[in-house]
Amino acid sequence: MMSSSISVLRLGGVLIVTVPSDPDDDTISDLQVRVLQAMEGSPALGLVLDISTVQTVDSFFARTITETVQMVALMGGITVLSGMQASVAVTTTQLGLTLGTIPTALDIDRAMVMLGTLLDGRRI
């Protein structure tokens, strides 16, 4: 998967990133860099990481996503992971992978509502 397929969109005070369906390690690393550059370039209150197209996860994916969420938090943002498919949730659990305490939502719409709640009603 080419890492150039990562787009960081801004909607109000929220960054939205859709992870490609079959991301390799380079793509996930590039995602982290682009998210952090976007946070630095135009500070956002929140980040929605949409993984609805992701079919499989591995330990590198889980670790890098968790680290990215922690880095965004250090930069003042809150992250919600959205769109995890049931098969990915099963595999993640069976492999013993952890995504820490990252808030999750079924889809982007619910992630935006959740961000609003987590941000205590601040305008996003």
Protein backbone atom coordinates (compact mmCIF):
# COMPACT_ATOMS: atom_id res chain seq x y z
CA MET A 1 0.00 0.00 0.00
CA MET A 2 1.39 3.38 -0.95
CA SER A 3 1.63 5.75 2.00
CA SER A 4 0.53 8.64 -0.19
CA SER A 5 -3.00 7.26 0.21
CA ILE A 6 -3.23 8.85 3.68
CA SER A 7 -5.29 12.04 3.76
CA VAL A 8 -5.83 14.16 6.85
CA LEU A 9 -9.05 16.16 6.54
CA ARG A 10 -10.06 18.98 8.84
CA LEU A 11 -13.70 19.50 9.76
CA GLY A 12 -14.01 22.40 12.18
CA GLY A 13 -11.75 21.58 15.10
CA VAL A 14 -11.47 17.89 14.22
CA LEU A 15 -9.00 16.00 12.06
CA ILE A 16 -10.42 12.97 10.25
CA VAL A 17 -8.22 10.21 8.87
CA THR A 18 -9.45 7.11 7.08
CA VAL A 19 -6.92 4.30 7.25
CA PRO A 20 -6.55 2.37 3.96
CA SER A 21 -7.98 -1.16 3.85
CA ASP A 22 -4.66 -3.03 3.84
CA PRO A 23 -2.07 -0.74 5.42
CA ASP A 24 1.53 -1.88 5.60
CA ASP A 25 3.99 -0.73 8.25
CA ASP A 26 5.21 2.20 6.13
CA THR A 27 1.65 3.42 5.62
CA ILE A 28 0.90 3.30 9.35
CA SER A 29 4.17 5.11 10.12
CA ASP A 30 3.31 7.75 7.51
CA LEU A 31 -0.16 8.11 9.04
CA GLN A 32 1.45 8.92 12.38
CA VAL A 33 3.73 11.55 10.85
CA ARG A 34 0.93 13.20 8.88
CA VAL A 35 -1.43 13.31 11.85
CA LEU A 36 1.23 14.92 14.05
CA GLN A 37 2.12 17.44 11.34
CA ALA A 38 -1.55 18.32 10.97
CA MET A 39 -1.94 18.74 14.74
CA GLU A 40 1.09 21.03 14.81
CA GLY A 41 0.13 22.99 11.71
CA SER A 42 -3.42 23.78 12.72
CA PRO A 43 -4.12 22.71 16.28
CA ALA A 44 -7.24 20.58 16.45
CA LEU A 45 -9.27 19.63 19.48
CA GLY A 46 -9.86 16.10 18.28
CA LEU A 47 -8.97 13.34 15.88
CA VAL A 48 -11.19 10.66 14.40
CA LEU A 49 -9.24 7.65 13.14
CA ASP A 50 -11.59 5.78 10.85
CA ILE A 51 -10.57 2.14 10.46
CA SER A 52 -13.81 0.98 8.82
CA THR A 53 -11.98 -0.28 5.72
CA VAL A 54 -9.24 -2.12 7.64
CA GLN A 55 -9.53 -5.89 7.25
CA THR A 56 -6.66 -7.09 9.47
CA VAL A 57 -4.48 -5.75 12.25
CA ASP A 58 -1.12 -6.77 13.62
CA SER A 59 0.98 -5.78 16.61
CA PHE A 60 2.74 -2.96 14.72
CA PHE A 61 -0.61 -1.46 13.70
CA ALA A 62 -1.96 -1.65 17.26
CA ARG A 63 1.22 -0.22 18.80
CA THR A 64 1.57 2.63 16.30
CA ILE A 65 -2.09 3.63 16.55
CA THR A 66 -1.87 3.59 20.36
CA GLU A 67 1.31 5.69 20.28
CA THR A 68 -0.28 8.14 17.85
CA VAL A 69 -3.26 8.58 20.18
CA GLN A 70 -0.88 9.25 23.08
CA MET A 71 1.10 11.78 21.01
CA VAL A 72 -2.08 13.57 19.95
CA ALA A 73 -3.08 13.75 23.63
CA LEU A 74 0.28 15.30 24.50
CA MET A 75 -0.47 17.92 21.83
CA GLY A 76 -3.84 18.68 23.45
CA GLY A 77 -6.15 16.55 21.31
CA ILE A 78 -8.58 13.73 22.00
CA THR A 79 -8.80 10.76 19.64
CA VAL A 80 -11.75 8.48 18.89
CA LEU A 81 -11.22 5.30 16.89
CA SER A 82 -14.19 4.63 14.63
CA GLY A 83 -15.52 1.90 12.41
CA MET A 84 -13.87 -1.24 13.74
CA GLN A 85 -15.34 -4.25 11.98
CA ALA A 86 -16.47 -7.20 14.08
CA SER A 87 -13.89 -9.50 12.45
CA VAL A 88 -11.10 -7.05 13.31
CA ALA A 89 -12.33 -6.81 16.92
CA VAL A 90 -12.34 -10.62 17.18
CA THR A 91 -8.85 -10.94 15.71
CA THR A 92 -7.48 -8.14 17.88
CA THR A 93 -8.86 -9.80 20.99
CA GLN A 94 -7.75 -13.31 20.03
CA LEU A 95 -4.21 -12.11 19.32
CA GLY A 96 -4.10 -10.34 22.69
CA LEU A 97 -3.44 -6.98 21.03
CA THR A 98 -4.46 -3.95 23.00
CA LEU A 99 -5.41 -0.47 21.94
CA GLY A 100 -5.30 0.79 25.51
CA THR A 101 -8.20 2.96 26.59
CA ILE A 102 -8.80 4.63 23.23
CA PRO A 103 -12.45 5.69 22.98
CA THR A 104 -14.24 3.86 20.17
CA ALA A 105 -17.35 4.49 18.11
CA LEU A 106 -19.18 2.44 15.49
CA ASP A 107 -18.90 5.12 12.79
CA ILE A 108 -17.64 8.64 12.11
CA ASP A 109 -20.96 10.29 13.02
CA ARG A 110 -20.95 8.66 16.45
CA ALA A 111 -17.26 9.49 16.84
CA MET A 112 -18.03 13.17 16.27
CA VAL A 113 -20.80 13.05 18.88
CA MET A 114 -18.46 11.28 21.29
CA LEU A 115 -15.76 13.90 20.72
CA GLY A 116 -18.29 16.62 21.51
CA THR A 117 -19.07 14.87 24.79
CA LEU A 118 -15.42 14.24 25.64
CA LEU A 119 -14.59 17.86 24.89
CA ASP A 120 -17.28 18.88 27.37
CA GLY A 121 -19.42 20.67 24.84
CA ARG A 122 -16.68 22.85 23.34
CA ARG A 123 -17.48 23.69 19.76
CA ILE A 124 -15.76 21.30 17.39
